[in-house]
């Protein structure tokens, strides 16, 4: 199972109707316990608009092996390795090249590529 935290979401549910308004929302954070105890999720893609990842967001996700982070907006104040407590020890975090050094410090102790 794969999970993608997109750049935006809408309330259209795939349906379009001229008489009804639909709104688009930018996803800017991953909440605490967002995917807690999910034993099926194997990979996650975090979109470019995300500015924060809360502690324990992916707590106890033993099958999680790959996290691709597209955003370059994370800082030590808005993310930490605590977001990935009790996950698969072989999990790899893939990040944009220009922030690899910074993200390696933020997620110290985890495999950042």
N, C-alpha and C. Protein backbone atom coordinates (compact mmCIF):
# COMPACT_ATOMS: atom_id res chain seq x y z
N UNK A 1 0.84 -1.17 0.00
CA UNK A 1 0.00 0.00 0.00
C UNK A 1 0.89 1.24 0.00
N UNK A 2 0.53 2.21 -0.79
CA UNK A 2 1.29 3.44 -0.90
C UNK A 2 0.39 4.62 -0.55
N UNK A 3 0.95 5.60 0.13
CA UNK A 3 0.20 6.79 0.52
C UNK A 3 0.87 8.01 -0.06
N UNK A 4 0.08 8.92 -0.58
CA UNK A 4 0.63 10.16 -1.12
C UNK A 4 -0.04 11.34 -0.45
N UNK A 5 0.79 12.22 0.11
CA UNK A 5 0.29 13.44 0.71
C UNK A 5 0.51 14.52 -0.34
N UNK A 6 -0.52 14.76 -1.13
CA UNK A 6 -0.43 15.62 -2.31
C UNK A 6 -0.21 17.08 -1.97
N UNK A 7 0.03 17.85 -3.03
CA UNK A 7 0.19 19.29 -2.88
C UNK A 7 -1.12 19.96 -2.51
N UNK A 8 -2.24 19.41 -2.98
CA UNK A 8 -3.53 20.00 -2.66
C UNK A 8 -4.62 18.94 -2.67
N UNK A 9 -5.73 19.25 -2.02
CA UNK A 9 -6.90 18.38 -2.04
C UNK A 9 -8.10 19.24 -2.38
N UNK A 10 -9.16 18.61 -2.84
CA UNK A 10 -10.38 19.37 -3.10
C UNK A 10 -11.56 18.61 -2.53
N UNK A 11 -12.69 19.26 -2.50
CA UNK A 11 -13.88 18.63 -1.95
C UNK A 11 -14.84 18.17 -3.04
N UNK A 12 -14.33 17.95 -4.24
CA UNK A 12 -15.20 17.60 -5.36
C UNK A 12 -15.56 16.13 -5.42
N UNK A 13 -14.79 15.27 -4.77
CA UNK A 13 -15.01 13.83 -4.83
C UNK A 13 -15.08 13.30 -6.25
N UNK A 14 -14.42 13.99 -7.16
CA UNK A 14 -14.39 13.55 -8.55
C UNK A 14 -15.58 13.98 -9.38
N UNK A 15 -16.55 14.62 -8.77
CA UNK A 15 -17.74 15.05 -9.49
C UNK A 15 -17.68 16.55 -9.76
N UNK A 16 -18.16 16.94 -10.91
CA UNK A 16 -18.16 18.35 -11.25
C UNK A 16 -19.58 18.76 -11.63
N UNK A 17 -20.05 19.83 -11.02
CA UNK A 17 -21.41 20.27 -11.22
C UNK A 17 -21.39 21.80 -11.33
N UNK A 18 -21.98 22.33 -12.37
CA UNK A 18 -21.98 23.79 -12.58
C UNK A 18 -22.62 24.56 -11.44
N UNK A 19 -23.58 23.95 -10.76
CA UNK A 19 -24.33 24.65 -9.72
C UNK A 19 -23.65 24.61 -8.35
N UNK A 20 -22.57 23.91 -8.25
CA UNK A 20 -21.93 23.73 -6.95
C UNK A 20 -20.49 24.23 -7.00
N UNK A 21 -20.07 24.88 -5.94
CA UNK A 21 -18.70 25.37 -5.85
C UNK A 21 -17.81 24.32 -5.21
N UNK A 22 -16.61 24.19 -5.74
CA UNK A 22 -15.63 23.28 -5.17
C UNK A 22 -14.41 24.08 -4.77
N UNK A 23 -13.80 23.69 -3.70
CA UNK A 23 -12.64 24.41 -3.18
C UNK A 23 -11.42 23.51 -3.22
N UNK A 24 -10.29 24.12 -3.43
CA UNK A 24 -9.01 23.42 -3.42
C UNK A 24 -8.22 23.91 -2.22
N UNK A 25 -7.64 22.99 -1.47
CA UNK A 25 -6.87 23.34 -0.28
C UNK A 25 -5.45 22.82 -0.44
N UNK A 26 -4.48 23.64 -0.08
CA UNK A 26 -3.09 23.20 -0.10
C UNK A 26 -2.82 22.40 1.17
N UNK A 27 -2.17 21.27 1.01
CA UNK A 27 -1.75 20.47 2.16
C UNK A 27 -0.43 21.05 2.63
N UNK A 28 -0.40 21.58 3.86
CA UNK A 28 0.80 22.24 4.36
C UNK A 28 1.42 21.54 5.56
N UNK A 29 0.74 20.52 6.10
CA UNK A 29 1.33 19.82 7.24
C UNK A 29 0.83 18.38 7.31
N UNK A 30 1.61 17.56 8.00
CA UNK A 30 1.23 16.19 8.29
C UNK A 30 1.01 16.14 9.79
N UNK A 31 -0.19 15.82 10.20
CA UNK A 31 -0.57 15.86 11.62
C UNK A 31 0.06 14.73 12.42
N UNK A 32 0.13 14.92 13.73
CA UNK A 32 0.58 13.87 14.63
C UNK A 32 -0.35 12.67 14.48
N UNK A 33 0.23 11.50 14.46
CA UNK A 33 -0.51 10.23 14.36
C UNK A 33 -1.32 10.11 13.07
N UNK A 34 -0.92 10.80 12.01
CA UNK A 34 -1.65 10.78 10.74
C UNK A 34 -1.76 9.37 10.16
N UNK A 35 -0.72 8.58 10.30
CA UNK A 35 -0.72 7.23 9.74
C UNK A 35 -0.37 6.22 10.85
N UNK A 36 -0.65 6.57 12.07
CA UNK A 36 -0.29 5.76 13.24
C UNK A 36 -0.81 4.33 13.14
N UNK A 37 0.05 3.38 13.48
CA UNK A 37 -0.28 1.95 13.54
C UNK A 37 -0.74 1.35 12.22
N UNK A 38 -0.43 1.98 11.11
CA UNK A 38 -0.82 1.43 9.82
C UNK A 38 0.22 0.38 9.43
N UNK A 39 -0.19 -0.87 9.41
CA UNK A 39 0.72 -1.97 9.14
C UNK A 39 0.83 -2.30 7.65
N UNK A 40 0.06 -1.61 6.81
CA UNK A 40 0.06 -1.89 5.37
C UNK A 40 0.83 -0.88 4.54
N UNK A 41 0.94 0.35 4.99
CA UNK A 41 1.58 1.39 4.18
C UNK A 41 3.07 1.08 4.03
N UNK A 42 3.52 1.04 2.76
CA UNK A 42 4.92 0.71 2.45
C UNK A 42 5.71 1.92 2.01
N UNK A 43 5.03 2.88 1.39
CA UNK A 43 5.74 4.08 0.93
C UNK A 43 4.83 5.30 1.06
N UNK A 44 5.49 6.46 1.23
CA UNK A 44 4.77 7.72 1.39
C UNK A 44 5.46 8.77 0.55
N UNK A 45 4.67 9.61 -0.13
CA UNK A 45 5.21 10.76 -0.85
C UNK A 45 4.63 12.00 -0.18
N UNK A 46 5.52 12.87 0.26
CA UNK A 46 5.11 14.12 0.92
C UNK A 46 5.31 15.25 -0.08
N UNK A 47 4.23 15.95 -0.42
CA UNK A 47 4.22 16.97 -1.48
C UNK A 47 5.04 18.21 -1.20
N UNK A 48 5.20 19.03 -2.22
CA UNK A 48 6.06 20.21 -2.19
C UNK A 48 5.52 21.35 -1.33
N UNK A 49 4.23 21.36 -1.01
CA UNK A 49 3.67 22.45 -0.20
C UNK A 49 3.75 22.20 1.30
N UNK A 50 4.15 21.02 1.70
CA UNK A 50 4.19 20.67 3.12
C UNK A 50 5.30 21.45 3.83
N UNK A 51 4.92 22.12 4.93
CA UNK A 51 5.86 22.94 5.70
C UNK A 51 6.20 22.33 7.05
N UNK A 52 5.41 21.34 7.50
CA UNK A 52 5.70 20.71 8.79
C UNK A 52 5.23 19.27 8.83
N UNK A 53 5.96 18.48 9.59
CA UNK A 53 5.60 17.08 9.85
C UNK A 53 5.64 16.92 11.37
N UNK A 54 4.50 16.63 11.96
CA UNK A 54 4.41 16.54 13.42
C UNK A 54 5.04 15.26 13.96
N UNK A 55 5.42 15.30 15.23
CA UNK A 55 5.96 14.11 15.89
C UNK A 55 4.93 12.99 15.83
N UNK A 56 5.42 11.78 15.69
CA UNK A 56 4.59 10.57 15.66
C UNK A 56 3.65 10.49 14.47
N UNK A 57 3.88 11.26 13.42
CA UNK A 57 3.01 11.23 12.24
C UNK A 57 2.96 9.83 11.62
N UNK A 58 4.08 9.12 11.66
CA UNK A 58 4.16 7.77 11.07
C UNK A 58 4.51 6.74 12.14
N UNK A 59 4.06 6.96 13.35
CA UNK A 59 4.36 6.10 14.50
C UNK A 59 3.88 4.67 14.28
N UNK A 60 4.75 3.73 14.55
CA UNK A 60 4.47 2.30 14.45
C UNK A 60 3.92 1.89 13.09
N UNK A 61 4.65 2.23 12.05
CA UNK A 61 4.33 1.77 10.69
C UNK A 61 5.44 0.82 10.27
N UNK A 62 5.37 -0.45 10.68
CA UNK A 62 6.48 -1.38 10.48
C UNK A 62 6.78 -1.72 9.02
N UNK A 63 5.82 -1.56 8.13
CA UNK A 63 6.05 -1.88 6.71
C UNK A 63 6.60 -0.70 5.93
N UNK A 64 6.64 0.48 6.53
CA UNK A 64 7.08 1.69 5.83
C UNK A 64 8.56 1.59 5.50
N UNK A 65 8.87 1.57 4.19
CA UNK A 65 10.25 1.42 3.75
C UNK A 65 10.78 2.61 2.98
N UNK A 66 9.89 3.40 2.38
CA UNK A 66 10.33 4.54 1.57
C UNK A 66 9.46 5.75 1.85
N UNK A 67 10.13 6.88 2.12
CA UNK A 67 9.44 8.16 2.27
C UNK A 67 10.11 9.12 1.30
N UNK A 68 9.34 9.63 0.35
CA UNK A 68 9.88 10.61 -0.60
C UNK A 68 9.34 11.97 -0.20
N UNK A 69 10.26 12.87 0.14
CA UNK A 69 9.88 14.22 0.55
C UNK A 69 10.20 15.17 -0.60
N UNK A 70 9.17 15.78 -1.18
CA UNK A 70 9.35 16.71 -2.30
C UNK A 70 9.55 18.14 -1.84
N UNK A 71 9.13 18.46 -0.63
CA UNK A 71 9.22 19.82 -0.14
C UNK A 71 10.65 20.20 0.25
N UNK A 72 10.94 21.48 0.13
CA UNK A 72 12.23 22.02 0.58
C UNK A 72 12.00 23.00 1.73
N UNK A 73 10.80 22.97 2.31
CA UNK A 73 10.38 23.97 3.30
C UNK A 73 10.48 23.51 4.75
N UNK A 74 11.01 22.33 5.01
CA UNK A 74 11.09 21.84 6.38
C UNK A 74 12.30 22.42 7.09
N UNK A 75 12.16 22.66 8.40
CA UNK A 75 13.25 23.15 9.24
C UNK A 75 13.31 22.30 10.50
N UNK A 76 14.32 22.53 11.32
CA UNK A 76 14.42 21.80 12.59
C UNK A 76 13.24 22.08 13.50
N UNK A 77 12.63 23.24 13.35
CA UNK A 77 11.47 23.59 14.18
C UNK A 77 10.17 22.96 13.68
N UNK A 78 10.13 22.60 12.40
CA UNK A 78 8.88 22.11 11.82
C UNK A 78 8.88 20.61 11.53
N UNK A 79 10.01 19.93 11.76
CA UNK A 79 10.09 18.49 11.52
C UNK A 79 11.21 17.89 12.36
N UNK A 80 11.10 16.60 12.67
CA UNK A 80 12.17 15.90 13.38
C UNK A 80 12.05 14.41 13.13
N UNK A 81 13.08 13.69 13.55
CA UNK A 81 13.05 12.24 13.36
C UNK A 81 11.98 11.59 14.22
N UNK A 82 11.44 12.32 15.20
CA UNK A 82 10.37 11.79 16.04
C UNK A 82 9.10 11.51 15.24
N UNK A 83 9.00 12.07 14.05
CA UNK A 83 7.85 11.80 13.18
C UNK A 83 7.86 10.34 12.73
N UNK A 84 9.04 9.71 12.76
CA UNK A 84 9.20 8.35 12.26
C UNK A 84 9.59 7.37 13.37
N UNK A 85 8.97 7.49 14.54
CA UNK A 85 9.24 6.58 15.65
C UNK A 85 8.68 5.20 15.35
N UNK A 86 9.45 4.18 15.72
CA UNK A 86 9.01 2.78 15.64
C UNK A 86 8.60 2.36 14.23
N UNK A 87 9.38 2.79 13.24
CA UNK A 87 9.14 2.35 11.86
C UNK A 87 10.19 1.31 11.48
N UNK A 88 10.09 0.78 10.28
CA UNK A 88 11.04 -0.20 9.76
C UNK A 88 12.46 0.35 9.83
N UNK A 89 13.39 -0.41 10.37
CA UNK A 89 14.78 0.05 10.51
C UNK A 89 15.46 0.27 9.17
N UNK A 90 14.94 -0.33 8.11
CA UNK A 90 15.53 -0.17 6.78
C UNK A 90 14.90 0.98 6.00
N UNK A 91 14.01 1.74 6.63
CA UNK A 91 13.33 2.83 5.94
C UNK A 91 14.33 3.86 5.40
N UNK A 92 14.06 4.34 4.18
CA UNK A 92 14.90 5.34 3.53
C UNK A 92 14.05 6.58 3.26
N UNK A 93 14.63 7.76 3.54
CA UNK A 93 13.96 9.02 3.24
C UNK A 93 14.67 9.64 2.04
N UNK A 94 13.94 9.79 0.94
CA UNK A 94 14.49 10.40 -0.27
C UNK A 94 14.10 11.87 -0.30
N UNK A 95 15.11 12.74 -0.50
CA UNK A 95 14.89 14.19 -0.42
C UNK A 95 15.50 14.89 -1.63
N UNK A 96 15.07 16.14 -1.92
CA UNK A 96 15.70 16.91 -3.00
C UNK A 96 17.18 17.16 -2.70
N UNK A 97 18.01 17.12 -3.73
CA UNK A 97 19.46 17.27 -3.56
C UNK A 97 19.85 18.55 -2.84
N UNK A 98 19.17 19.65 -3.15
CA UNK A 98 19.58 20.94 -2.58
C UNK A 98 19.35 21.05 -1.07
N UNK A 99 18.57 20.15 -0.48
CA UNK A 99 18.33 20.20 0.96
C UNK A 99 18.80 18.93 1.67
N UNK A 100 19.52 18.09 0.98
CA UNK A 100 19.95 16.81 1.56
C UNK A 100 20.75 17.00 2.85
N UNK A 101 21.68 17.93 2.85
CA UNK A 101 22.52 18.16 4.03
C UNK A 101 21.67 18.64 5.22
N UNK A 102 20.78 19.57 4.96
CA UNK A 102 19.89 20.09 6.01
C UNK A 102 18.98 19.00 6.55
N UNK A 103 18.36 18.25 5.65
CA UNK A 103 17.43 17.20 6.06
C UNK A 103 18.15 16.06 6.77
N UNK A 104 19.40 15.79 6.42
CA UNK A 104 20.18 14.77 7.11
C UNK A 104 20.36 15.15 8.58
N UNK A 105 20.49 16.45 8.86
CA UNK A 105 20.60 16.93 10.24
C UNK A 105 19.25 16.84 10.95
N UNK A 106 18.19 17.21 10.24
CA UNK A 106 16.84 17.16 10.83
C UNK A 106 16.47 15.72 11.20
N UNK A 107 16.73 14.80 10.29
CA UNK A 107 16.35 13.40 10.48
C UNK A 107 17.57 12.56 10.88
N UNK A 108 18.42 13.11 11.73
CA UNK A 108 19.65 12.46 12.17
C UNK A 108 19.35 11.06 12.72
N UNK A 109 20.13 10.09 12.27
CA UNK A 109 19.93 8.71 12.70
C UNK A 109 19.09 7.90 11.74
N UNK A 110 18.45 8.56 10.79
CA UNK A 110 17.66 7.88 9.76
C UNK A 110 18.41 7.93 8.44
N UNK A 111 18.10 7.03 7.53
CA UNK A 111 18.78 6.99 6.23
C UNK A 111 18.18 8.03 5.30
N UNK A 112 18.95 9.08 5.02
CA UNK A 112 18.49 10.16 4.13
C UNK A 112 19.31 10.09 2.85
N UNK A 113 18.61 9.97 1.71
CA UNK A 113 19.29 9.90 0.41
C UNK A 113 18.82 11.02 -0.48
